[in-house]
């Protein structure tokens, strides 16, 4: 019989309670979970990679209640560096994307329409098992792997030589290893009923780094966040629009876009973060009416944003990288 556990974790300064189904019988001899829950802990990183085709210059790990996503990229061996060394639009980079779905969740939900438009079958033809579990590969080279009963991963590898070999090595190198997702900031002053629903940690060797945590204030049908709290190394002026107001908070430069409706959410950014990251910018997004009513108006949201600090020990930005 499955064991139900209550987990308490600290993510972005908020204690969050999760009631979830634990692994029923541990792992297989191949190191894979014998079963996985229908919902994941969005405050945890659940897997890492033992094999990469080269050095990494961009890494991101994103969590949702029923899906975790890892994206990695880096220069191909021998490829010259680009002028800006951008982590986002370098055609000569190798790239890896792994989507890991919870039990009974469609791992292809974000890509199914694109795959079918391209004429690719989903999940494709059966290929040799990976670590004893069924695997399929479609015409686009996307590997679908049932890593646990009724639970699937989608693995895409591009920009590499010997694609089939590299794809398989990446998949065989996936390791189930739970650890807290190490967001570098802590937030206090959120509404009492705020519950973590997702997070994203994005690291770049050269270029902006971003991290964010999404919160729900009670259940909603679409699961869209009510509040988003983030930290980046971008400038305060980044993302300006014709409705952005320049303001100050306790002498710190800030910008504000006031919440109007679900179609025009509020966005509040405060620079000069204390605690070893004077160039960092804090961002608070007010995404719904109930968030606006729970947090308050402009002054209240800016006060919340100004209260966010780095987690002790995270002055070294190398620690902001996902495992």
Protein backbone atom coordinates (compact mmCIF):
# COMPACT_ATOMS: atom_id res chain seq x y z
CA UNK A 1 0.00 0.00 0.00
CA UNK A 2 1.28 3.47 -0.85
CA UNK A 3 2.55 5.68 1.91
CA UNK A 4 1.24 9.23 2.18
CA UNK A 5 3.71 11.70 3.60
CA UNK A 6 3.53 15.33 4.61
CA UNK A 7 6.59 17.26 3.55
CA UNK A 8 7.64 20.65 4.87
CA UNK A 9 10.13 22.58 2.76
CA UNK A 10 11.49 26.12 2.72
CA UNK A 11 11.47 27.71 -0.72
CA UNK A 12 12.07 31.42 -1.35
CA UNK A 13 11.53 32.08 2.35
CA UNK A 14 8.06 30.52 2.53
CA UNK A 15 7.29 27.38 4.46
CA UNK A 16 5.11 25.22 2.22
CA UNK A 17 3.25 22.04 3.17
CA UNK A 18 2.85 19.31 0.59
CA UNK A 19 0.73 16.21 1.00
CA UNK A 20 1.90 13.76 -1.63
CA UNK A 21 2.22 10.09 -2.33
CA UNK A 22 5.66 8.78 -1.53
CA UNK A 23 7.56 6.18 -3.53
CA UNK A 24 5.96 2.85 -2.78
CA UNK A 25 8.93 0.52 -2.87
CA UNK A 26 12.04 2.63 -3.46
CA UNK A 27 14.11 2.25 -6.59
CA UNK A 28 14.87 -0.51 -9.06
CA UNK A 29 18.34 -2.09 -9.38
CA UNK A 30 18.87 0.34 -12.28
CA UNK A 31 18.34 3.30 -9.92
CA UNK A 32 14.89 4.24 -11.24
CA UNK A 33 11.82 4.93 -9.10
CA UNK A 34 9.44 1.97 -8.89
CA UNK A 35 6.55 4.44 -8.87
CA UNK A 36 6.03 8.20 -8.91
CA UNK A 37 3.18 10.36 -7.59
CA UNK A 38 0.53 12.15 -9.62
CA UNK A 39 1.90 15.47 -8.38
CA UNK A 40 5.46 16.54 -7.71
CA UNK A 41 6.91 18.81 -5.05
CA UNK A 42 7.53 22.10 -6.96
CA UNK A 43 10.22 23.06 -4.46
CA UNK A 44 12.46 20.11 -5.37
CA UNK A 45 14.83 19.31 -8.22
CA UNK A 46 14.14 15.65 -8.93
CA UNK A 47 16.81 14.61 -11.41
CA UNK A 48 20.23 15.49 -12.75
CA UNK A 49 22.44 14.36 -15.65
CA UNK A 50 25.60 12.29 -15.47
CA UNK A 51 26.54 12.91 -19.10
CA UNK A 52 26.72 16.11 -21.15
CA UNK A 53 28.12 16.54 -24.66
CA UNK A 54 30.23 19.57 -23.69
CA UNK A 55 30.63 22.51 -21.35
CA UNK A 56 27.48 24.34 -20.26
CA UNK A 57 26.86 28.04 -20.75
CA UNK A 58 23.11 28.08 -20.08
CA UNK A 59 21.13 25.91 -17.66
CA UNK A 60 17.51 26.13 -16.53
CA UNK A 61 15.31 23.97 -14.32
CA UNK A 62 11.59 24.65 -14.07
CA UNK A 63 8.98 22.99 -11.87
CA UNK A 64 5.24 22.63 -12.17
CA UNK A 65 3.01 20.51 -9.95
CA UNK A 66 2.97 17.67 -12.53
CA UNK A 67 5.97 18.41 -14.77
CA UNK A 68 9.66 19.21 -14.32
CA UNK A 69 11.69 20.65 -17.21
CA UNK A 70 15.47 20.87 -17.65
CA UNK A 71 17.12 22.84 -20.46
CA UNK A 72 20.86 22.92 -21.06
CA UNK A 73 23.03 24.29 -23.86
CA UNK A 74 26.67 24.92 -24.59
CA UNK A 75 29.20 25.45 -27.36
CA UNK A 76 30.10 22.59 -29.63
CA UNK A 77 33.68 21.40 -29.38
CA UNK A 78 35.86 23.61 -31.55
CA UNK A 79 33.09 26.16 -32.29
CA UNK A 80 34.33 29.78 -32.15
CA UNK A 81 32.85 32.01 -29.48
CA UNK A 82 30.21 34.43 -30.68
CA UNK A 83 30.60 38.16 -30.22
CA UNK A 84 28.08 38.34 -27.37
CA UNK A 85 28.33 34.73 -26.22
CA UNK A 86 24.56 34.71 -25.82
CA UNK A 87 23.07 31.68 -24.04
CA UNK A 88 19.81 31.87 -25.99
CA UNK A 89 20.24 32.19 -29.77
CA UNK A 90 23.46 30.47 -30.73
CA UNK A 91 22.73 28.16 -33.64
CA UNK A 92 26.02 26.33 -33.19
CA UNK A 93 25.24 25.26 -29.64
CA UNK A 94 24.28 21.77 -28.56
CA UNK A 95 20.98 21.72 -26.70
CA UNK A 96 19.22 19.32 -24.36
CA UNK A 97 15.64 19.53 -23.17
CA UNK A 98 14.13 16.99 -20.78
CA UNK A 99 10.51 17.01 -19.67
CA UNK A 100 9.62 14.69 -16.81
CA UNK A 101 5.92 14.12 -16.20
CA UNK A 102 4.22 12.80 -13.11
CA UNK A 103 2.18 9.59 -13.26
CA UNK A 104 -0.72 9.64 -15.76
CA UNK A 105 0.36 13.06 -17.13
CA UNK A 106 0.89 13.66 -20.87
CA UNK A 107 4.58 14.51 -21.23
CA UNK A 108 3.94 15.66 -24.82
CA UNK A 109 1.25 18.24 -23.97
CA UNK A 110 3.41 21.25 -24.87
CA UNK A 111 4.79 19.73 -28.09
CA UNK A 112 2.13 17.36 -29.41
CA UNK A 113 0.56 19.88 -31.80
CA UNK A 114 3.99 20.89 -33.19
CA UNK A 115 5.05 17.25 -33.59
CA UNK A 116 1.87 16.36 -35.45
CA UNK A 117 2.15 19.41 -37.73
CA UNK A 118 5.68 18.29 -38.57
CA UNK A 119 4.32 14.87 -39.51
CA UNK A 120 5.93 13.11 -36.55
CA UNK A 121 4.19 10.30 -34.73
CA UNK A 122 3.85 10.44 -30.95
CA UNK A 123 5.60 8.75 -29.24
CA UNK A 124 7.07 7.08 -32.35
CA UNK A 125 8.50 3.63 -32.98
CA UNK A 126 9.64 1.38 -30.16
CA UNK A 127 13.41 1.22 -29.71
CA UNK A 128 15.70 -0.68 -27.37
CA UNK A 129 14.77 -0.21 -23.68
CA UNK A 130 16.71 2.29 -21.59
CA UNK A 131 17.84 0.89 -18.24
CA UNK A 132 15.21 -1.80 -18.52
CA UNK A 133 12.28 0.53 -19.24
CA UNK A 134 10.35 0.97 -22.55
CA UNK A 135 11.50 3.68 -24.96
CA UNK A 136 10.19 5.11 -28.24
CA UNK A 137 11.68 7.49 -30.80
CA UNK A 138 9.87 9.52 -33.46
CA UNK A 139 10.93 10.83 -36.85
CA UNK A 140 12.27 14.03 -35.30
CA UNK A 141 14.69 12.16 -33.08
CA UNK A 142 12.71 12.81 -29.88
CA UNK A 143 12.99 9.99 -27.35
CA UNK A 144 10.02 9.09 -25.12
CA UNK A 145 10.95 6.98 -22.12
CA UNK A 146 8.66 5.36 -19.57
CA UNK A 147 11.03 5.87 -16.65
CA UNK A 148 8.46 4.49 -14.17
CA UNK A 149 5.07 2.80 -14.64
CA UNK A 150 2.65 5.25 -16.33
CA UNK A 151 5.23 8.05 -16.04
CA UNK A 152 7.19 9.41 -19.01
CA UNK A 153 10.12 11.58 -19.95
CA UNK A 154 10.59 13.39 -23.26
CA UNK A 155 14.25 13.87 -24.23
CA UNK A 156 15.41 16.09 -27.09
CA UNK A 157 19.05 16.55 -28.08
CA UNK A 158 20.13 18.79 -30.98
CA UNK A 159 23.34 20.28 -32.35
CA UNK A 160 25.52 17.22 -31.75
CA UNK A 161 27.47 14.78 -33.86
CA UNK A 162 26.42 11.11 -33.61
CA UNK A 163 22.91 12.11 -32.56
CA UNK A 164 21.62 8.61 -31.80
CA UNK A 165 24.57 7.76 -29.59
CA UNK A 166 24.48 11.08 -27.73
CA UNK A 167 20.72 10.95 -27.22
CA UNK A 168 20.99 7.54 -25.68
CA UNK A 169 23.94 8.47 -23.47
CA UNK A 170 22.08 11.52 -22.17
CA UNK A 171 19.00 9.40 -21.39
CA UNK A 172 20.99 6.64 -19.73
CA UNK A 173 22.73 9.32 -17.63
CA UNK A 174 19.53 10.68 -16.08
CA UNK A 175 19.70 10.17 -12.33
CA UNK A 176 16.72 10.36 -9.99
CA UNK A 177 18.08 12.45 -7.11
CA UNK A 178 15.88 14.75 -5.06
CA UNK A 179 17.23 17.99 -3.58
CA UNK A 180 15.74 21.42 -2.80
CA UNK A 181 15.70 23.70 -5.83
CA UNK A 182 18.25 26.24 -4.69
CA UNK A 183 16.56 29.58 -5.36
CA UNK A 184 18.97 32.32 -4.26
CA UNK A 185 16.41 34.64 -2.65
CA UNK A 186 14.01 34.61 0.25
CA UNK A 187 10.68 36.41 0.41
CA UNK A 188 8.79 37.35 3.56
CA UNK A 189 5.50 39.16 3.88
CA UNK A 190 3.55 37.08 1.39
CA UNK A 191 -0.14 36.41 2.18
CA UNK A 192 -0.62 33.63 4.73
CA UNK A 193 -2.38 31.34 2.25
CA UNK A 194 0.28 31.66 -0.46
CA UNK A 195 1.28 28.18 -1.66
CA UNK A 196 4.22 27.47 -3.94
CA UNK A 197 3.02 26.13 -7.30
CA UNK A 198 6.15 26.34 -9.41
CA UNK A 199 9.66 27.71 -9.67
CA UNK A 200 12.35 28.40 -12.24
CA UNK A 201 16.11 28.67 -11.80
CA UNK A 202 18.07 29.96 -14.81
CA UNK A 203 21.85 30.32 -14.92
CA UNK A 204 24.13 31.64 -17.64
CA UNK A 205 27.92 31.64 -17.81
CA UNK A 206 27.75 35.02 -19.50
CA UNK A 207 24.49 36.91 -19.57
CA UNK A 208 21.56 37.52 -17.25
CA UNK A 209 20.59 35.03 -14.55
CA UNK A 210 17.00 34.70 -13.43
CA UNK A 211 15.06 32.83 -10.78
CA UNK A 212 11.41 32.95 -9.81
CA UNK A 213 8.81 31.35 -7.60
CA UNK A 214 5.08 31.19 -8.38
CA UNK A 215 2.38 31.17 -5.73
CA UNK A 216 -1.31 30.35 -5.64
CA UNK A 217 -3.77 31.95 -3.23
CA UNK A 218 -6.17 29.05 -3.13
CA UNK A 219 -7.29 26.77 -5.94
CA UNK A 220 -8.09 28.01 -9.43
CA UNK A 221 -9.18 25.96 -12.41
CA UNK A 222 -6.25 26.79 -14.69
CA UNK A 223 -3.62 26.71 -11.98
CA UNK A 224 -2.33 30.11 -13.07
CA UNK A 225 -0.18 31.80 -10.41
CA UNK A 226 -1.54 34.71 -8.43
CA UNK A 227 1.86 36.07 -7.38
CA UNK A 228 5.27 35.66 -9.01
CA UNK A 229 8.41 36.64 -7.10
CA UNK A 230 11.68 36.78 -8.98
CA UNK A 231 15.32 37.85 -8.91
CA UNK A 232 17.53 38.64 -11.89
CA UNK A 233 20.81 40.27 -12.82
CA UNK A 234 19.08 42.42 -15.45
CA UNK A 235 18.78 46.17 -15.06
CA UNK A 236 15.82 47.88 -13.42
CA UNK A 237 14.95 49.40 -16.80
CA UNK A 238 14.64 46.01 -18.48
CA UNK A 239 11.17 45.27 -19.80
CA UNK A 240 9.99 48.88 -19.77
CA UNK A 241 6.79 49.84 -21.56
CA UNK A 242 4.73 52.97 -22.10
CA UNK A 243 2.84 52.32 -18.84
CA UNK A 244 5.95 51.93 -16.66
CA UNK A 245 6.42 54.50 -13.89
CA UNK A 246 9.86 55.29 -12.44
CA UNK A 247 9.73 55.39 -8.64
CA UNK A 248 12.01 54.95 -5.63
CA UNK A 249 11.74 52.75 -2.54
CA UNK A 250 13.88 53.78 0.46
CA UNK A 251 16.27 55.47 -1.94
CA UNK A 252 16.44 52.46 -4.27
CA UNK A 253 15.58 52.78 -7.96
CA UNK A 254 12.35 51.01 -8.87
CA UNK A 255 9.68 50.76 -11.55
CA UNK A 256 5.98 50.03 -11.31
CA UNK A 257 3.21 48.89 -13.62
CA UNK A 258 0.04 48.86 -11.56
CA UNK A 259 -2.38 45.95 -11.73
CA UNK A 260 -5.49 46.69 -13.78
CA UNK A 261 -6.97 43.30 -14.70
CA UNK A 262 -6.00 39.73 -15.54
CA UNK A 263 -5.10 41.05 -19.00
CA UNK A 264 -2.85 43.75 -17.54
CA UNK A 265 -1.12 42.33 -14.47
CA UNK A 266 0.99 44.40 -12.14
CA UNK A 267 4.79 44.33 -12.33
CA UNK A 268 7.01 45.94 -9.70
CA UNK A 269 10.84 45.93 -9.88
CA UNK A 270 13.31 47.17 -7.27
CA UNK A 271 17.07 47.42 -7.76
CA UNK A 272 20.16 47.60 -5.55
CA UNK A 273 19.45 44.41 -3.64
CA UNK A 274 21.22 44.37 -0.26
CA UNK A 275 23.31 41.40 0.81
CA UNK A 276 26.08 41.00 -1.74
CA UNK A 277 24.23 41.58 -5.01
CA UNK A 278 23.95 45.32 -5.54
CA UNK A 279 23.33 44.84 -9.27
CA UNK A 280 20.45 42.38 -8.75
CA UNK A 281 16.84 43.34 -9.34
CA UNK A 282 13.83 41.97 -7.49
CA UNK A 283 10.55 41.55 -9.33
CA UNK A 284 7.03 40.96 -7.98
CA UNK A 285 4.21 40.19 -10.37
CA UNK A 286 0.57 40.61 -9.30
CA UNK A 287 -1.30 38.31 -11.66
CA UNK A 288 -4.88 38.28 -10.36
CA UNK A 289 -7.52 40.33 -8.60
CA UNK A 290 -7.27 38.24 -5.46
CA UNK A 291 -3.51 38.84 -5.35
CA UNK A 292 -4.12 42.57 -5.75
CA UNK A 293 -6.65 42.49 -2.92
CA UNK A 294 -4.43 40.32 -0.68
CA UNK A 295 -1.18 42.27 -1.12
CA UNK A 296 -2.52 45.78 -1.60
CA UNK A 297 -1.72 48.72 -3.85
CA UNK A 298 1.53 50.04 -5.31
CA UNK A 299 3.15 51.05 -2.03
CA UNK A 300 2.43 47.67 -0.44
CA UNK A 301 3.80 45.67 -3.37
CA UNK A 302 6.92 47.80 -3.60
CA UNK A 303 7.46 47.34 0.14
CA UNK A 304 7.16 43.56 -0.36
CA UNK A 305 9.67 43.67 -3.25
CA UNK A 306 12.10 45.79 -1.23
CA UNK A 307 12.04 43.26 1.63
CA UNK A 308 13.43 40.40 -0.51
CA UNK A 309 17.01 39.38 0.26
CA UNK A 310 19.61 36.91 -0.91
CA UNK A 311 19.81 33.62 0.93
CA UNK A 312 22.93 33.48 3.11
CA UNK A 313 25.83 32.00 1.19
CA UNK A 314 24.45 32.83 -2.25
CA UNK A 315 26.60 35.87 -2.93
CA UNK A 316 28.60 33.51 -5.19
CA UNK A 317 26.48 33.36 -8.33
CA UNK A 318 28.00 30.03 -9.33
CA UNK A 319 25.68 28.52 -6.70
CA UNK A 320 22.63 29.76 -8.62
CA UNK A 321 23.10 27.04 -11.23
CA UNK A 322 20.78 24.00 -11.22
CA UNK A 323 22.52 20.73 -10.42
